[in-house]
Amino acid sequence: METSIWSAVLDHICLETSSPHAMRSFYRDALGMQETELAGSSWLLEGPERRLVLTKGISKKLTFSSFRVADGDKMILLRKHIEAEGYTVIEKSNAFFKQGAFELTDPDGNIICFGVGASVAKKLGGVGGRLQHVVVASARLDLMVNFYGRVLGFLPSDYVVKEDGQIAAAFYRSNPEHHSFAVFAAAKNAFDHIAFETPSWNHIRDWADRLAEFDISIWWGPGRHGAGNNLFFMVLDPDGNKIEFSAELEHMDINHPVRHWPHDRRTLNLWGNAWMRDGE
């Protein structure tokens, strides 16, 4: 199988917040990320292989997601593929990407940026947990599935399917990891969660212990997802955004066929209770 998005990785995201002080404190202190003030009421938070931008605005809103493409040749091929599908891309300057980065908007209005890394990431200390995937909720899942699979060339790893045959969730990979993006059916469009992939189960424990020091309770988990087979738990940041800590996410090669899972509790959590999103 050929796809010009292989092997892209999620590089950074931008979240809006109406409570910048509380959010900056959470990511800086509890998640061990260094803070740098940016222009326009925005802040960069960075940790080992993880970074995000917070900007003052509406809480629980994903401003954009940025994926780092392997090299310039892949960028050219990806842009040509997207434009051949009838979509317009906009060149966009990005501090973390080389010249030539571009963005476009998915059917729900989410902005996705693509670029080649501008420099080697800073080596930062702290508990391991790299930014690994982003998930959104959609009231128009059929359009989103078509966009991410056909227009962008993400590869479907798993579909969660309802009894009537309708897709309830779609997990997509842009590299060997099971998913770097996913979309769930919901009553309305929304940001769903981001995930930090840790090096091992022991790091899951270390993160839980660290968050406990800040009196941050686990919101869901610990458990093991069916789709992806990863160990996980989730917490809420001060705005109520869901933050996942994961380990042992399944790997698939580029030719691995898509799988289908039933829409039930065990698909979401083999170990116990499940978070069933509104509208699934």
Protein backbone atom coordinates (compact mmCIF):
# COMPACT_ATOMS: atom_id res chain seq x y z
CA MET A 1 0.00 0.00 0.00
CA GLU A 2 1.24 3.48 -0.85
CA THR A 3 0.42 6.59 1.17
CA SER A 4 2.44 9.80 1.28
CA ILE A 5 1.52 10.42 4.92
CA TRP A 6 3.61 7.44 6.06
CA SER A 7 5.48 7.84 8.44
CA ALA A 8 4.13 11.08 9.97
CA VAL A 9 3.84 11.63 13.72
CA LEU A 10 1.81 14.01 15.85
CA ASP A 11 4.21 16.84 16.68
CA HIS A 12 2.14 19.35 18.68
CA ILE A 13 -1.36 20.66 19.20
CA CYS A 14 -2.89 23.98 20.24
CA LEU A 15 -5.71 24.22 22.77
CA GLU A 16 -7.76 27.27 23.60
CA THR A 17 -8.50 28.06 27.24
CA SER A 18 -10.47 30.63 29.18
CA SER A 19 -8.37 29.78 32.27
CA PRO A 20 -4.78 30.19 31.11
CA HIS A 21 -3.27 30.47 34.59
CA ALA A 22 -4.75 27.19 35.82
CA MET A 23 -4.00 25.38 32.57
CA ARG A 24 -0.42 26.60 32.41
CA SER A 25 0.13 25.51 36.01
CA PHE A 26 -1.29 22.04 35.29
CA TYR A 27 0.90 21.32 32.28
CA ARG A 28 3.95 23.06 33.71
CA ASP A 29 3.87 21.58 37.21
CA ALA A 30 1.86 18.35 37.14
CA LEU A 31 2.98 17.27 33.66
CA GLY A 32 6.53 18.56 34.07
CA MET A 33 6.60 20.79 30.99
CA GLN A 34 8.72 23.92 30.58
CA GLU A 35 6.79 27.09 29.79
CA THR A 36 7.74 29.75 27.24
CA GLU A 37 5.57 32.81 26.69
CA LEU A 38 4.62 33.43 23.06
CA ALA A 39 3.03 36.39 21.34
CA GLY A 40 -0.72 36.91 21.35
CA SER A 41 -1.64 35.54 24.80
CA SER A 42 -0.19 32.12 23.99
CA TRP A 43 2.23 29.82 25.81
CA LEU A 44 4.39 26.90 24.69
CA LEU A 45 4.63 23.94 27.08
CA GLU A 46 7.38 21.38 26.41
CA GLY A 47 8.49 18.12 28.01
CA PRO A 48 10.38 15.04 26.79
CA GLU A 49 8.99 14.49 23.25
CA ARG A 50 5.81 16.38 24.08
CA ARG A 51 4.74 19.92 23.43
CA LEU A 52 1.54 21.86 23.15
CA VAL A 53 0.49 25.47 22.78
CA LEU A 54 -2.13 27.07 24.99
CA THR A 55 -3.85 30.20 23.74
CA LYS A 56 -6.43 32.37 25.44
CA GLY A 57 -9.90 31.76 24.08
CA ILE A 58 -12.76 29.29 24.47
CA SER A 59 -12.07 26.37 26.79
CA LYS A 60 -12.10 22.80 25.46
CA LYS A 61 -11.48 23.90 21.88
CA LEU A 62 -8.81 22.32 19.71
CA THR A 63 -7.26 25.15 17.66
CA PHE A 64 -5.14 22.89 15.46
CA SER A 65 -3.19 19.63 15.32
CA SER A 66 0.25 19.49 13.68
CA PHE A 67 1.80 16.38 12.16
CA ARG A 68 5.50 16.09 11.35
CA VAL A 69 6.07 14.52 7.93
CA ALA A 70 9.16 12.38 7.30
CA ASP A 71 10.86 14.60 4.67
CA GLY A 72 10.40 17.21 1.96
CA ASP A 73 9.65 14.65 -0.77
CA LYS A 74 6.79 13.23 1.30
CA MET A 75 5.48 16.76 1.85
CA ILE A 76 5.35 17.38 -1.90
CA LEU A 77 3.58 14.08 -2.55
CA LEU A 78 1.13 14.65 0.30
CA ARG A 79 0.25 18.12 -0.96
CA LYS A 80 -0.24 16.86 -4.52
CA HIS A 81 -2.46 14.03 -3.28
CA ILE A 82 -4.64 16.38 -1.20
CA GLU A 83 -5.00 18.86 -4.04
CA ALA A 84 -5.86 16.07 -6.47
CA GLU A 85 -8.76 15.21 -4.16
CA GLY A 86 -10.09 18.73 -4.66
CA TYR A 87 -8.95 20.30 -1.40
CA THR A 88 -7.10 23.60 -1.08
CA VAL A 89 -4.12 23.84 1.26
CA ILE A 90 -2.79 27.06 2.76
CA GLU A 91 0.93 27.58 3.33
CA LYS A 92 1.39 28.43 6.98
CA SER A 93 4.46 29.52 8.89
CA ASN A 94 5.12 27.23 11.87
CA ALA A 95 7.92 27.72 14.39
CA PHE A 96 8.55 23.96 14.60
CA PHE A 97 8.47 23.21 10.87
CA LYS A 98 10.65 24.15 7.91
CA GLN A 99 9.40 26.49 5.19
CA GLY A 100 6.70 24.85 3.11
CA ALA A 101 4.42 23.76 5.94
CA PHE A 102 0.73 23.90 5.09
CA GLU A 103 -2.67 23.44 6.67
CA LEU A 104 -6.20 22.56 5.68
CA THR A 105 -9.55 22.11 7.39
CA ASP A 106 -11.48 18.86 7.83
CA PRO A 107 -15.28 18.60 7.36
CA ASP A 108 -15.90 19.53 11.01
CA GLY A 109 -13.71 22.64 10.87
CA ASN A 110 -10.68 21.16 12.63
CA ILE A 111 -7.38 22.56 11.32
CA ILE A 112 -4.62 20.06 10.51
CA CYS A 113 -1.06 21.23 9.82
CA PHE A 114 1.71 19.28 8.11
CA GLY A 115 5.40 20.09 7.97
CA VAL A 116 8.97 18.81 8.11
CA GLY A 117 10.70 19.25 11.46
CA ALA A 118 12.77 22.44 11.60
CA SER A 119 15.33 21.22 14.12
CA VAL A 120 16.13 18.47 16.58
CA ALA A 121 13.85 18.66 19.59
CA LYS A 122 15.34 19.90 22.83
CA LYS A 123 16.42 17.20 25.26
CA LEU A 124 14.27 17.75 28.34
CA GLY A 125 14.24 15.81 31.58
CA GLY A 126 11.24 14.35 33.37
CA VAL A 127 8.95 11.33 33.24
CA GLY A 128 8.70 9.92 29.71
CA GLY A 129 5.44 10.52 27.87
CA ARG A 130 5.54 11.71 24.27
CA LEU A 131 2.56 13.30 22.58
CA GLN A 132 1.23 10.41 20.49
CA HIS A 133 -2.36 10.82 19.31
CA VAL A 134 -5.27 13.23 19.14
CA VAL A 135 -8.96 12.30 19.05
CA VAL A 136 -12.05 14.29 18.08
CA ALA A 137 -15.78 13.64 18.26
CA SER A 138 -18.01 14.18 15.26
CA ALA A 139 -21.70 14.33 14.42
CA ARG A 140 -20.80 13.58 10.77
CA LEU A 141 -18.59 10.55 11.06
CA ASP A 142 -19.08 9.44 7.45
CA LEU A 143 -17.57 12.69 6.13
CA MET A 144 -14.67 12.52 8.59
CA VAL A 145 -13.90 8.89 7.69
CA ASN A 146 -13.79 9.81 4.01
CA PHE A 147 -11.58 12.84 4.65
CA TYR A 148 -8.94 11.21 6.85
CA GLY A 149 -8.83 7.97 4.90
CA ARG A 150 -9.19 9.12 1.28
CA VAL A 151 -8.11 12.78 1.24
CA LEU A 152 -5.23 12.65 3.74
CA GLY A 153 -4.28 9.00 3.29
CA PHE A 154 -4.33 7.93 6.96
CA LEU A 155 -4.61 4.14 7.19
CA PRO A 156 -7.57 2.65 9.10
CA SER A 157 -6.45 0.28 11.84
CA ASP A 158 -9.78 -0.48 13.52
CA TYR A 159 -13.42 0.40 13.01
CA VAL A 160 -15.88 0.04 15.87
CA VAL A 161 -19.20 -0.96 14.31
CA LYS A 162 -22.74 -0.77 15.68
CA GLU A 163 -25.28 -3.55 15.26
CA ASP A 164 -26.85 -1.69 12.32
CA GLY A 165 -23.49 -1.62 10.52
CA GLN A 166 -22.79 2.07 11.14
CA ILE A 167 -19.26 3.01 12.22
CA ALA A 168 -19.11 4.33 15.78
CA ALA A 169 -15.36 4.99 15.88
CA ALA A 170 -12.43 4.95 13.47
CA PHE A 171 -8.77 4.61 14.45
CA TYR A 172 -6.15 5.78 11.93
CA ARG A 173 -2.39 5.37 11.74
CA SER A 174 0.14 7.45 9.87
CA ASN A 175 3.09 5.33 11.06
CA PRO A 176 3.44 1.84 12.58
CA GLU A 177 1.66 2.83 15.82
CA HIS A 178 -1.99 1.76 15.94
CA HIS A 179 -3.37 5.29 15.77
CA SER A 180 -2.11 8.84 15.68
CA PHE A 181 -5.65 10.11 15.05
CA ALA A 182 -9.11 8.80 15.86
CA VAL A 183 -12.67 10.03 15.53
CA PHE A 184 -15.75 8.95 17.51
CA ALA A 185 -19.40 9.39 16.66
CA ALA A 186 -21.08 11.90 18.95
CA ALA A 187 -24.10 14.16 19.20
CA LYS A 188 -21.97 17.21 18.39
CA ASN A 189 -18.49 18.01 17.11
CA ALA A 190 -15.90 18.41 19.86
CA PHE A 191 -12.34 17.86 20.98
CA ASP A 192 -12.19 14.41 22.62
CA HIS A 193 -8.72 13.83 24.10
CA ILE A 194 -4.96 13.73 23.59
CA ALA A 195 -2.64 10.92 24.66
CA PHE A 196 0.91 10.70 25.91
CA GLU A 197 2.61 7.38 25.14
CA THR A 198 4.93 6.24 27.95
CA PRO A 199 7.86 3.80 27.59
CA SER A 200 6.37 1.05 29.78
CA TRP A 201 3.73 -0.06 32.28
CA ASN A 202 6.06 1.08 35.07
CA HIS A 203 5.86 4.60 33.65
CA ILE A 204 2.07 4.42 33.85
CA ARG A 205 2.55 3.77 37.56
CA ASP A 206 5.05 6.60 37.87
CA TRP A 207 2.65 9.04 36.19
CA ALA A 208 -0.19 8.00 38.51
CA ASP A 209 2.09 8.53 41.52
CA ARG A 210 3.23 11.91 40.22
CA LEU A 211 -0.31 13.13 39.58
CA ALA A 212 -1.36 11.92 43.04
CA GLU A 213 1.23 14.29 44.51
CA PHE A 214 -0.79 17.12 42.93
CA ASP A 215 -4.08 15.61 44.16
CA ILE A 216 -5.16 14.85 40.59
CA SER A 217 -7.45 11.82 40.55
CA ILE A 218 -7.68 9.24 37.80
CA TRP A 219 -10.88 9.88 35.84
CA TRP A 220 -10.95 6.56 33.92
CA GLY A 221 -8.81 3.47 34.32
CA PRO A 222 -6.42 1.93 34.71
CA GLY A 223 -7.49 -0.40 31.94
CA ARG A 224 -6.60 -1.93 28.59
CA HIS A 225 -8.23 -0.82 25.36
CA GLY A 226 -9.43 -3.51 22.99
CA ALA A 227 -8.70 -1.49 19.85
CA GLY A 228 -5.00 -0.68 20.16
CA ASN A 229 -4.42 -3.12 23.04
CA ASN A 230 -2.71 -0.39 25.08
CA LEU A 231 -2.67 0.06 28.83
CA PHE A 232 -4.06 3.43 29.89
CA PHE A 233 -5.61 5.79 32.37
CA MET A 234 -7.13 9.24 31.91
CA VAL A 235 -7.25 12.42 33.96
CA LEU A 236 -8.95 15.79 33.45
CA ASP A 237 -7.04 19.04 33.09
CA PRO A 238 -8.48 22.23 34.71
CA ASP A 239 -10.66 22.93 31.66
CA GLY A 240 -12.07 19.40 31.70
CA ASN A 241 -10.07 18.19 28.69
CA LYS A 242 -9.35 14.47 28.87
CA ILE A 243 -5.67 13.53 28.99
CA GLU A 244 -4.64 9.92 28.44
CA PHE A 245 -1.44 8.21 29.58
CA SER A 246 -0.76 5.07 27.58
CA ALA A 247 1.77 2.26 27.23
CA GLU A 248 2.37 -0.66 24.87
CA LEU A 249 0.24 0.68 22.01
CA GLU A 250 -0.04 -1.95 19.30
CA HIS A 251 2.10 -1.64 16.16
CA MET A 252 0.95 -2.51 12.62
CA ASP A 253 2.85 -2.47 9.34
CA ILE A 254 1.67 -0.43 6.38
CA ASN A 255 -0.17 -3.39 4.80
CA HIS A 256 -2.06 -4.56 7.89
CA PRO A 257 -5.77 -4.94 7.02
CA VAL A 258 -8.38 -2.93 8.89
CA ARG A 259 -10.19 -4.81 11.67
CA HIS A 260 -13.76 -4.51 12.92
CA TRP A 261 -14.80 -4.46 16.57
CA PRO A 262 -18.30 -4.64 18.06
CA HIS A 263 -19.63 -1.51 19.68
CA ASP A 264 -19.56 -2.67 23.29
CA ARG A 265 -17.83 -2.07 26.61
CA ARG A 266 -14.99 -4.54 26.10
CA THR A 267 -13.85 -2.86 22.90
CA LEU A 268 -13.16 0.28 24.93
CA ASN A 269 -11.84 -1.42 28.05
CA LEU A 270 -11.05 -5.12 28.36
CA TRP A 271 -10.59 -4.70 32.11
CA GLY A 272 -13.82 -3.07 33.19
CA ASN A 273 -15.96 0.02 32.85
CA ALA A 274 -16.10 2.05 29.64
CA TRP A 275 -16.57 5.71 28.78
CA MET A 276 -19.43 5.59 26.28
CA ARG A 277 -19.49 8.93 24.50
CA ASP A 278 -22.78 10.74 23.83
CA GLY A 279 -24.16 9.83 20.45
CA GLU A 280 -22.12 6.64 19.95
